[in-house]
PDB file of N, CA and C in Angstrom:
ATOM      1  N   MET A   1      15.964  -1.053 -16.966  1.00  0.00           N
ATOM      2  CA  MET A   1      15.187   0.074 -17.457  1.00  0.00           C
ATOM      3  C   MET A   1      15.648   1.326 -16.722  1.00  0.00           C
ATOM      4  N   LYS A   2      15.941   2.352 -17.466  1.00  0.00           N
ATOM      5  CA  LYS A   2      16.400   3.620 -16.886  1.00  0.00           C
ATOM      6  C   LYS A   2      15.196   4.416 -16.382  1.00  0.00           C
ATOM      7  N   VAL A   3      15.241   4.819 -15.126  1.00  0.00           N
ATOM      8  CA  VAL A   3      14.200   5.650 -14.521  1.00  0.00           C
ATOM      9  C   VAL A   3      14.813   7.014 -14.258  1.00  0.00           C
ATOM     10  N   THR A   4      14.196   8.041 -14.775  1.00  0.00           N
ATOM     11  CA  THR A   4      14.720   9.395 -14.608  1.00  0.00           C
ATOM     12  C   THR A   4      14.071  10.082 -13.407  1.00  0.00           C
ATOM     13  N   PRO A   5      14.751  11.062 -12.847  1.00  0.00           N
ATOM     14  CA  PRO A   5      14.145  11.824 -11.752  1.00  0.00           C
ATOM     15  C   PRO A   5      12.843  12.506 -12.183  1.00  0.00           C
ATOM     16  N   GLU A   6      12.733  12.862 -13.453  1.00  0.00           N
ATOM     17  CA  GLU A   6      11.498  13.482 -13.951  1.00  0.00           C
ATOM     18  C   GLU A   6      10.329  12.495 -13.868  1.00  0.00           C
ATOM     19  N   GLN A   7      10.603  11.221 -14.173  1.00  0.00           N
ATOM     20  CA  GLN A   7       9.554  10.202 -14.064  1.00  0.00           C
ATOM     21  C   GLN A   7       9.142  10.013 -12.608  1.00  0.00           C
ATOM     22  N   VAL A   8      10.116  10.011 -11.708  1.00  0.00           N
ATOM     23  CA  VAL A   8       9.816   9.887 -10.279  1.00  0.00           C
ATOM     24  C   VAL A   8       9.009  11.094  -9.822  1.00  0.00           C
ATOM     25  N   LYS A   9       9.366  12.279 -10.320  1.00  0.00           N
ATOM     26  CA  LYS A   9       8.635  13.493  -9.950  1.00  0.00           C
ATOM     27  C   LYS A   9       7.182  13.404 -10.405  1.00  0.00           C
ATOM     28  N   GLN A  10       6.957  12.844 -11.602  1.00  0.00           N
ATOM     29  CA  GLN A  10       5.595  12.682 -12.112  1.00  0.00           C
ATOM     30  C   GLN A  10       4.804  11.709 -11.236  1.00  0.00           C
ATOM     31  N   ILE A  11       5.433  10.607 -10.850  1.00  0.00           N
ATOM     32  CA  ILE A  11       4.773   9.630  -9.976  1.00  0.00           C
ATOM     33  C   ILE A  11       4.476  10.262  -8.618  1.00  0.00           C
ATOM     34  N   ALA A  12       5.448  11.005  -8.084  1.00  0.00           N
ATOM     35  CA  ALA A  12       5.252  11.672  -6.793  1.00  0.00           C
ATOM     36  C   ALA A  12       4.112  12.674  -6.881  1.00  0.00           C
ATOM     37  N   ASN A  13       4.007  13.359  -7.994  1.00  0.00           N
ATOM     38  CA  ASN A  13       2.919  14.319  -8.180  1.00  0.00           C
ATOM     39  C   ASN A  13       1.565  13.612  -8.177  1.00  0.00           C
ATOM     40  N   LEU A  14       1.497  12.458  -8.827  1.00  0.00           N
ATOM     41  CA  LEU A  14       0.242  11.689  -8.829  1.00  0.00           C
ATOM     42  C   LEU A  14      -0.142  11.237  -7.424  1.00  0.00           C
ATOM     43  N   ALA A  15       0.874  10.977  -6.597  1.00  0.00           N
ATOM     44  CA  ALA A  15       0.634  10.553  -5.219  1.00  0.00           C
ATOM     45  C   ALA A  15       0.542  11.744  -4.270  1.00  0.00           C
ATOM     46  N   ASN A  16       0.574  12.961  -4.831  1.00  0.00           N
ATOM     47  CA  ASN A  16       0.486  14.191  -4.044  1.00  0.00           C
ATOM     48  C   ASN A  16       1.617  14.281  -3.008  1.00  0.00           C
ATOM     49  N   LEU A  17       2.840  13.916  -3.461  1.00  0.00           N
ATOM     50  CA  LEU A  17       4.016  13.977  -2.607  1.00  0.00           C
ATOM     51  C   LEU A  17       4.965  15.038  -3.138  1.00  0.00           C
ATOM     52  N   SER A  18       5.621  15.735  -2.248  1.00  0.00           N
ATOM     53  CA  SER A  18       6.663  16.666  -2.679  1.00  0.00           C
ATOM     54  C   SER A  18       7.998  16.086  -2.228  1.00  0.00           C
ATOM     55  N   LEU A  19       8.912  15.909  -3.195  1.00  0.00           N
ATOM     56  CA  LEU A  19      10.208  15.307  -2.908  1.00  0.00           C
ATOM     57  C   LEU A  19      11.318  16.288  -3.261  1.00  0.00           C
ATOM     58  N   SER A  20      12.389  16.220  -2.500  1.00  0.00           N
ATOM     59  CA  SER A  20      13.555  17.048  -2.799  1.00  0.00           C
ATOM     60  C   SER A  20      14.297  16.449  -3.996  1.00  0.00           C
ATOM     61  N   ASP A  21      15.197  17.223  -4.589  1.00  0.00           N
ATOM     62  CA  ASP A  21      15.991  16.719  -5.706  1.00  0.00           C
ATOM     63  C   ASP A  21      16.811  15.504  -5.296  1.00  0.00           C
ATOM     64  N   ARG A  22      17.296  15.522  -4.071  1.00  0.00           N
ATOM     65  CA  ARG A  22      18.077  14.384  -3.546  1.00  0.00           C
ATOM     66  C   ARG A  22      17.196  13.128  -3.455  1.00  0.00           C
ATOM     67  N   ASP A  23      15.960  13.302  -2.973  1.00  0.00           N
ATOM     68  CA  ASP A  23      15.030  12.176  -2.892  1.00  0.00           C
ATOM     69  C   ASP A  23      14.680  11.650  -4.276  1.00  0.00           C
ATOM     70  N   LEU A  24      14.494  12.553  -5.241  1.00  0.00           N
ATOM     71  CA  LEU A  24      14.163  12.131  -6.599  1.00  0.00           C
ATOM     72  C   LEU A  24      15.253  11.240  -7.173  1.00  0.00           C
ATOM     73  N   GLU A  25      16.499  11.615  -6.965  1.00  0.00           N
ATOM     74  CA  GLU A  25      17.628  10.806  -7.443  1.00  0.00           C
ATOM     75  C   GLU A  25      17.655   9.445  -6.750  1.00  0.00           C
ATOM     76  N   ALA A  26      17.456   9.453  -5.432  1.00  0.00           N
ATOM     77  CA  ALA A  26      17.498   8.194  -4.665  1.00  0.00           C
ATOM     78  C   ALA A  26      16.366   7.263  -5.077  1.00  0.00           C
ATOM     79  N   TYR A  27      15.161   7.803  -5.231  1.00  0.00           N
ATOM     80  CA  TYR A  27      14.032   6.964  -5.619  1.00  0.00           C
ATOM     81  C   TYR A  27      14.169   6.467  -7.052  1.00  0.00           C
ATOM     82  N   ALA A  28      14.758   7.266  -7.917  1.00  0.00           N
ATOM     83  CA  ALA A  28      14.992   6.818  -9.296  1.00  0.00           C
ATOM     84  C   ALA A  28      15.916   5.606  -9.286  1.00  0.00           C
ATOM     85  N   LYS A  29      16.972   5.661  -8.484  1.00  0.00           N
ATOM     86  CA  LYS A  29      17.911   4.534  -8.373  1.00  0.00           C
ATOM     87  C   LYS A  29      17.203   3.304  -7.801  1.00  0.00           C
ATOM     88  N   ASP A  30      16.412   3.498  -6.746  1.00  0.00           N
ATOM     89  CA  ASP A  30      15.691   2.384  -6.131  1.00  0.00           C
ATOM     90  C   ASP A  30      14.721   1.733  -7.117  1.00  0.00           C
ATOM     91  N   LEU A  31      13.982   2.561  -7.854  1.00  0.00           N
ATOM     92  CA  LEU A  31      13.023   2.016  -8.822  1.00  0.00           C
ATOM     93  C   LEU A  31      13.734   1.250  -9.930  1.00  0.00           C
ATOM     94  N   GLU A  32      14.896   1.741 -10.371  1.00  0.00           N
ATOM     95  CA  GLU A  32      15.679   1.016 -11.382  1.00  0.00           C
ATOM     96  C   GLU A  32      16.054  -0.366 -10.877  1.00  0.00           C
ATOM     97  N   GLU A  33      16.499  -0.454  -9.628  1.00  0.00           N
ATOM     98  CA  GLU A  33      16.883  -1.742  -9.045  1.00  0.00           C
ATOM     99  C   GLU A  33      15.685  -2.676  -8.942  1.00  0.00           C
ATOM    100  N   ILE A  34      14.536  -2.151  -8.558  1.00  0.00           N
ATOM    101  CA  ILE A  34      13.325  -2.975  -8.447  1.00  0.00           C
ATOM    102  C   ILE A  34      12.920  -3.504  -9.821  1.00  0.00           C
ATOM    103  N   LEU A  35      12.932  -2.624 -10.822  1.00  0.00           N
ATOM    104  CA  LEU A  35      12.542  -3.048 -12.166  1.00  0.00           C
ATOM    105  C   LEU A  35      13.542  -4.040 -12.756  1.00  0.00           C
ATOM    106  N   ALA A  36      14.827  -3.893 -12.446  1.00  0.00           N
ATOM    107  CA  ALA A  36      15.832  -4.855 -12.899  1.00  0.00           C
ATOM    108  C   ALA A  36      15.562  -6.226 -12.286  1.00  0.00           C
ATOM    109  N   TYR A  37      15.163  -6.249 -11.012  1.00  0.00           N
ATOM    110  CA  TYR A  37      14.847  -7.522 -10.350  1.00  0.00           C
ATOM    111  C   TYR A  37      13.602  -8.161 -10.959  1.00  0.00           C
ATOM    112  N   VAL A  38      12.605  -7.346 -11.277  1.00  0.00           N
ATOM    113  CA  VAL A  38      11.395  -7.860 -11.919  1.00  0.00           C
ATOM    114  C   VAL A  38      11.742  -8.446 -13.283  1.00  0.00           C
ATOM    115  N   ASP A  39      12.637  -7.793 -14.025  1.00  0.00           N
ATOM    116  CA  ASP A  39      13.088  -8.338 -15.312  1.00  0.00           C
ATOM    117  C   ASP A  39      13.754  -9.688 -15.117  1.00  0.00           C
ATOM    118  N   GLN A  40      14.548  -9.819 -14.053  1.00  0.00           N
ATOM    119  CA  GLN A  40      15.182 -11.102 -13.733  1.00  0.00           C
ATOM    120  C   GLN A  40      14.124 -12.174 -13.479  1.00  0.00           C
ATOM    121  N   LEU A  41      13.107 -11.828 -12.714  1.00  0.00           N
ATOM    122  CA  LEU A  41      12.051 -12.793 -12.414  1.00  0.00           C
ATOM    123  C   LEU A  41      11.279 -13.184 -13.669  1.00  0.00           C
ATOM    124  N   ASN A  42      11.114 -12.243 -14.592  1.00  0.00           N
ATOM    125  CA  ASN A  42      10.390 -12.532 -15.825  1.00  0.00           C
ATOM    126  C   ASN A  42      11.136 -13.510 -16.725  1.00  0.00           C
ATOM    127  N   GLU A  43      12.435 -13.693 -16.501  1.00  0.00           N
ATOM    128  CA  GLU A  43      13.212 -14.637 -17.293  1.00  0.00           C
ATOM    129  C   GLU A  43      12.963 -16.086 -16.875  1.00  0.00           C
ATOM    130  N   LEU A  44      12.383 -16.302 -15.719  1.00  0.00           N
ATOM    131  CA  LEU A  44      12.120 -17.657 -15.229  1.00  0.00           C
ATOM    132  C   LEU A  44      11.036 -18.327 -16.057  1.00  0.00           C
ATOM    133  N   ASP A  45      11.224 -19.627 -16.300  1.00  0.00           N
ATOM    134  CA  ASP A  45      10.216 -20.400 -17.022  1.00  0.00           C
ATOM    135  C   ASP A  45       9.167 -20.873 -16.026  1.00  0.00           C
ATOM    136  N   THR A  46       7.981 -20.304 -16.091  1.00  0.00           N
ATOM    137  CA  THR A  46       6.894 -20.682 -15.186  1.00  0.00           C
ATOM    138  C   THR A  46       5.775 -21.404 -15.929  1.00  0.00           C
ATOM    139  N   SER A  47       6.078 -21.911 -17.135  1.00  0.00           N
ATOM    140  CA  SER A  47       5.033 -22.547 -17.941  1.00  0.00           C
ATOM    141  C   SER A  47       4.454 -23.791 -17.269  1.00  0.00           C
ATOM    142  N   GLY A  48       5.236 -24.494 -16.443  1.00  0.00           N
ATOM    143  CA  GLY A  48       4.733 -25.696 -15.788  1.00  0.00           C
ATOM    144  C   GLY A  48       4.179 -25.457 -14.397  1.00  0.00           C
ATOM    145  N   VAL A  49       4.098 -24.223 -13.979  1.00  0.00           N
ATOM    146  CA  VAL A  49       3.625 -23.904 -12.633  1.00  0.00           C
ATOM    147  C   VAL A  49       2.131 -23.591 -12.691  1.00  0.00           C
ATOM    148  N   GLU A  50       1.377 -24.332 -11.901  1.00  0.00           N
ATOM    149  CA  GLU A  50      -0.074 -24.113 -11.847  1.00  0.00           C
ATOM    150  C   GLU A  50      -0.386 -22.833 -11.081  1.00  0.00           C
ATOM    151  N   PRO A  51      -1.355 -22.057 -11.551  1.00  0.00           N
ATOM    152  CA  PRO A  51      -1.762 -20.864 -10.798  1.00  0.00           C
ATOM    153  C   PRO A  51      -2.308 -21.267  -9.427  1.00  0.00           C
ATOM    154  N   MET A  52      -2.079 -20.407  -8.450  1.00  0.00           N
ATOM    155  CA  MET A  52      -2.541 -20.692  -7.091  1.00  0.00           C
ATOM    156  C   MET A  52      -3.609 -19.694  -6.689  1.00  0.00           C
ATOM    157  N   ALA A  53      -4.650 -20.205  -6.031  1.00  0.00           N
ATOM    158  CA  ALA A  53      -5.689 -19.324  -5.510  1.00  0.00           C
ATOM    159  C   ALA A  53      -5.229 -18.715  -4.191  1.00  0.00           C
ATOM    160  N   GLN A  54      -4.374 -19.445  -3.472  1.00  0.00           N
ATOM    161  CA  GLN A  54      -3.828 -18.962  -2.211  1.00  0.00           C
ATOM    162  C   GLN A  54      -2.497 -19.644  -1.977  1.00  0.00           C
ATOM    163  N   VAL A  55      -1.740 -19.177  -1.025  1.00  0.00           N
ATOM    164  CA  VAL A  55      -0.397 -19.709  -0.825  1.00  0.00           C
ATOM    165  C   VAL A  55      -0.340 -20.893   0.128  1.00  0.00           C
ATOM    166  N   LEU A  56      -1.459 -21.335   0.627  1.00  0.00           N
ATOM    167  CA  LEU A  56      -1.469 -22.487   1.518  1.00  0.00           C
ATOM    168  C   LEU A  56      -1.279 -23.766   0.720  1.00  0.00           C
ATOM    169  N   HIS A  57      -0.625 -24.737   1.327  1.00  0.00           N
ATOM    170  CA  HIS A  57      -0.437 -26.026   0.670  1.00  0.00           C
ATOM    171  C   HIS A  57      -1.746 -26.801   0.690  1.00  0.00           C
ATOM    172  N   GLU A  58      -1.892 -27.668  -0.307  1.00  0.00           N
ATOM    173  CA  GLU A  58      -3.117 -28.473  -0.357  1.00  0.00           C
ATOM    174  C   GLU A  58      -3.254 -29.300   0.907  1.00  0.00           C
ATOM    175  N   GLY A  59      -4.441 -29.359   1.422  1.00  0.00           N
ATOM    176  CA  GLY A  59      -4.721 -30.162   2.601  1.00  0.00           C
ATOM    177  C   GLY A  59      -4.456 -29.457   3.916  1.00  0.00           C
ATOM    178  N   SER A  60      -3.787 -28.342   3.898  1.00  0.00           N
ATOM    179  CA  SER A  60      -3.539 -27.662   5.172  1.00  0.00           C
ATOM    180  C   SER A  60      -4.656 -26.658   5.433  1.00  0.00           C
ATOM    181  N   ALA A  61      -4.977 -26.495   6.674  1.00  0.00           N
ATOM    182  CA  ALA A  61      -6.027 -25.550   7.047  1.00  0.00           C
ATOM    183  C   ALA A  61      -5.414 -24.164   7.211  1.00  0.00           C
ATOM    184  N   ALA A  62      -6.189 -23.194   6.910  1.00  0.00           N
ATOM    185  CA  ALA A  62      -5.720 -21.820   7.070  1.00  0.00           C
ATOM    186  C   ALA A  62      -5.519 -21.517   8.554  1.00  0.00           C
ATOM    187  N   PRO A  63      -4.369 -20.962   8.913  1.00  0.00           N
ATOM    188  CA  PRO A  63      -4.127 -20.659  10.324  1.00  0.00           C
ATOM    189  C   PRO A  63      -4.769 -19.334  10.720  1.00  0.00           C
ATOM    190  N   LEU A  64      -6.046 -19.231  10.480  1.00  0.00           N
ATOM    191  CA  LEU A  64      -6.754 -18.000  10.789  1.00  0.00           C
ATOM    192  C   LEU A  64      -7.676 -18.219  11.975  1.00  0.00           C
ATOM    193  N   ARG A  65      -7.872 -17.196  12.734  1.00  0.00           N
ATOM    194  CA  ARG A  65      -8.791 -17.314  13.860  1.00  0.00           C
ATOM    195  C   ARG A  65     -10.216 -17.161  13.339  1.00  0.00           C
ATOM    196  N   THR A  66     -11.163 -17.651  14.093  1.00  0.00           N
ATOM    197  CA  THR A  66     -12.559 -17.503  13.711  1.00  0.00           C
ATOM    198  C   THR A  66     -13.012 -16.091  14.049  1.00  0.00           C
ATOM    199  N   ASP A  67     -13.922 -15.589  13.257  1.00  0.00           N
ATOM    200  CA  ASP A  67     -14.471 -14.271  13.537  1.00  0.00           C
ATOM    201  C   ASP A  67     -15.395 -14.357  14.742  1.00  0.00           C
ATOM    202  N   ALA A  68     -15.164 -13.490  15.691  1.00  0.00           N
ATOM    203  CA  ALA A  68     -16.008 -13.466  16.877  1.00  0.00           C
ATOM    204  C   ALA A  68     -16.091 -12.025  17.371  1.00  0.00           C
ATOM    205  N   ALA A  69     -17.288 -11.626  17.722  1.00  0.00           N
ATOM    206  CA  ALA A  69     -17.474 -10.281  18.265  1.00  0.00           C
ATOM    207  C   ALA A  69     -16.848 -10.209  19.643  1.00  0.00           C
ATOM    208  N   GLY A  70     -16.179  -9.109  19.907  1.00  0.00           N
ATOM    209  CA  GLY A  70     -15.546  -8.940  21.204  1.00  0.00           C
ATOM    210  C   GLY A  70     -15.922  -7.607  21.791  1.00  0.00           C
ATOM    211  N   PRO A  71     -15.336  -7.270  22.923  1.00  0.00           N
ATOM    212  CA  PRO A  71     -15.638  -5.990  23.541  1.00  0.00           C
ATOM    213  C   PRO A  71     -15.251  -4.853  22.597  1.00  0.00           C
ATOM    214  N   SER A  72     -16.041  -3.823  22.618  1.00  0.00           N
ATOM    215  CA  SER A  72     -15.819  -2.709  21.703  1.00  0.00           C
ATOM    216  C   SER A  72     -16.061  -1.395  22.416  1.00  0.00           C
ATOM    217  N   LEU A  73     -15.523  -0.335  21.838  1.00  0.00           N
ATOM    218  CA  LEU A  73     -15.722   0.999  22.369  1.00  0.00           C
ATOM    219  C   LEU A  73     -17.050   1.535  21.833  1.00  0.00           C
ATOM    220  N   ALA A  74     -17.857   2.080  22.691  1.00  0.00           N
ATOM    221  CA  ALA A  74     -19.137   2.645  22.258  1.00  0.00           C
ATOM    222  C   ALA A  74     -18.878   3.865  21.379  1.00  0.00           C
ATOM    223  N   PRO A  75     -19.647   4.042  20.298  1.00  0.00           N
ATOM    224  CA  PRO A  75     -19.444   5.189  19.410  1.00  0.00           C
ATOM    225  C   PRO A  75     -19.447   6.526  20.149  1.00  0.00           C
ATOM    226  N   GLU A  76     -20.319   6.667  21.119  1.00  0.00           N
ATOM    227  CA  GLU A  76     -20.385   7.921  21.864  1.00  0.00           C
ATOM    228  C   GLU A  76     -19.079   8.178  22.612  1.00  0.00           C
ATOM    229  N   SER A  77     -18.487   7.144  23.178  1.00  0.00           N
ATOM    230  CA  SER A  77     -17.223   7.294  23.905  1.00  0.00           C
ATOM    231  C   SER A  77     -16.096   7.687  22.959  1.00  0.00           C
ATOM    232  N   ALA A  78     -16.063   7.060  21.783  1.00  0.00           N
ATOM    233  CA  ALA A  78     -15.018   7.370  20.817  1.00  0.00           C
ATOM    234  C   ALA A  78     -15.158   8.805  20.319  1.00  0.00           C
ATOM    235  N   LEU A  79     -16.366   9.225  20.031  1.00  0.00           N
ATOM    236  CA  LEU A  79     -16.591  10.569  19.503  1.00  0.00           C
ATOM    237  C   LEU A  79     -16.346  11.644  20.561  1.00  0.00           C
ATOM    238  N   ARG A  80     -16.482  11.283  21.814  1.00  0.00           N
ATOM    239  CA  ARG A  80     -16.242  12.232  22.891  1.00  0.00           C
ATOM    240  C   ARG A  80     -14.775  12.679  22.884  1.00  0.00           C
ATOM    241  N   CYS A  81     -13.887  11.828  22.431  1.00  0.00           N
ATOM    242  CA  CYS A  81     -12.451  12.139  22.398  1.00  0.00           C
ATOM    243  C   CYS A  81     -12.028  12.835  21.100  1.00  0.00           C
ATOM    244  N   ALA A  82     -12.921  12.922  20.138  1.00  0.00           N
ATOM    245  CA  ALA A  82     -12.566  13.486  18.831  1.00  0.00           C
ATOM    246  C   ALA A  82     -12.451  14.996  18.892  1.00  0.00           C
ATOM    247  N   PRO A  83     -11.465  15.572  18.207  1.00  0.00           N
ATOM    248  CA  PRO A  83     -11.363  17.025  18.158  1.00  0.00           C
ATOM    249  C   PRO A  83     -12.563  17.640  17.450  1.00  0.00           C
ATOM    250  N   LEU A  84     -13.086  16.942  16.433  1.00  0.00           N
ATOM    251  CA  LEU A  84     -14.250  17.410  15.694  1.00  0.00           C
ATOM    252  C   LEU A  84     -15.143  16.212  15.404  1.00  0.00           C
ATOM    253  N   ALA A  85     -16.411  16.326  15.706  1.00  0.00           N
ATOM    254  CA  ALA A  85     -17.348  15.242  15.426  1.00  0.00           C
ATOM    255  C   ALA A  85     -18.669  15.846  15.003  1.00  0.00           C
ATOM    256  N   GLY A  86     -19.445  15.059  14.283  1.00  0.00           N
ATOM    257  CA  GLY A  86     -20.749  15.526  13.871  1.00  0.00           C
ATOM    258  C   GLY A  86     -21.517  14.429  13.181  1.00  0.00           C
ATOM    259  N   ALA A  87     -22.810  14.374  13.384  1.00  0.00           N
ATOM    260  CA  ALA A  87     -23.700  13.378  12.774  1.00  0.00           C
ATOM    261  C   ALA A  87     -23.224  11.954  13.054  1.00  0.00           C
ATOM    262  N   GLY A  88     -22.637  11.743  14.227  1.00  0.00           N
ATOM    263  CA  GLY A  88     -22.210  10.398  14.609  1.00  0.00           C
ATOM    264  C   GLY A  88     -20.925   9.937  13.950  1.00  0.00           C
ATOM    265  N   HIS A  89     -20.140  10.869  13.377  1.00  0.00           N
ATOM    266  CA  HIS A  89     -18.908  10.504  12.685  1.00  0.00           C
ATOM    267  C   HIS A  89     -17.777  11.431  13.108  1.00  0.00           C
ATOM    268  N   PHE A  90     -16.532  10.965  12.873  1.00  0.00           N
ATOM    269  CA  PHE A  90     -15.373  11.820  13.050  1.00  0.00           C
ATOM    270  C   PHE A  90     -15.313  12.780  11.864  1.00  0.00           C
ATOM    271  N   LYS A  91     -14.979  14.028  12.116  1.00  0.00           N
ATOM    272  CA  LYS A  91     -14.751  14.987  11.038  1.00  0.00           C
ATOM    273  C   LYS A  91     -13.248  15.210  10.932  1.00  0.00           C
ATOM    274  N   VAL A  92     -12.745  15.156   9.709  1.00  0.00           N
ATOM    275  CA  VAL A  92     -11.312  15.335   9.476  1.00  0.00           C
ATOM    276  C   VAL A  92     -11.096  16.424   8.445  1.00  0.00           C
ATOM    277  N   PRO A  93      -9.948  17.080   8.470  1.00  0.00           N
ATOM    278  CA  PRO A  93      -9.678  18.126   7.486  1.00  0.00           C
ATOM    279  C   PRO A  93      -9.551  17.538   6.083  1.00  0.00           C
ATOM    280  N   ARG A  94      -9.913  18.330   5.100  1.00  0.00           N
ATOM    281  CA  ARG A  94      -9.780  17.914   3.713  1.00  0.00           C
ATOM    282  C   ARG A  94      -8.295  17.778   3.396  1.00  0.00           C
ATOM    283  N   VAL A  95      -7.908  16.685   2.732  1.00  0.00           N
ATOM    284  CA  VAL A  95      -6.504  16.492   2.392  1.00  0.00           C
ATOM    285  C   VAL A  95      -6.246  16.596   0.901  1.00  0.00           C
ATOM    286  N   ILE A  96      -7.267  16.429   0.093  1.00  0.00           N
ATOM    287  CA  ILE A  96      -7.109  16.531  -1.354  1.00  0.00           C
ATOM    288  C   ILE A  96      -7.822  17.802  -1.790  1.00  0.00           C
ATOM    289  N   GLU A  97      -7.055  18.693  -2.372  1.00  0.00           N
ATOM    290  CA  GLU A  97      -7.629  19.986  -2.749  1.00  0.00           C
ATOM    291  C   GLU A  97      -7.718  20.163  -4.255  1.00  0.00           C
ATOM    292  N   ARG A  98      -7.564  19.123  -5.030  1.00  0.00           N
ATOM    293  CA  ARG A  98      -7.630  19.248  -6.484  1.00  0.00           C
ATOM    294  C   ARG A  98      -9.039  19.119  -6.956  1.00  0.00           C
TER     295      ARG A  98
END
């Protein structure tokens, strides 16, 4: 599938990114390669493959640690280091202006 720099520019705009013309060309090429690989994968016959709920093999236990509360930083201590704080929260500059 051919990906044009204009399409990449539209995607970048949706993500609120500004890209140079050189970046647009490079990302267009990268996206073409990714989509070509996905097309290759779509050619595989997966009709006999059962859907999986997770990637662990049957009978194996998940190698996850148990949830346990541990030492934590007190909110007051964390907010003391913040450049801007208020109402018990960090204040950050607005990043989306649309």
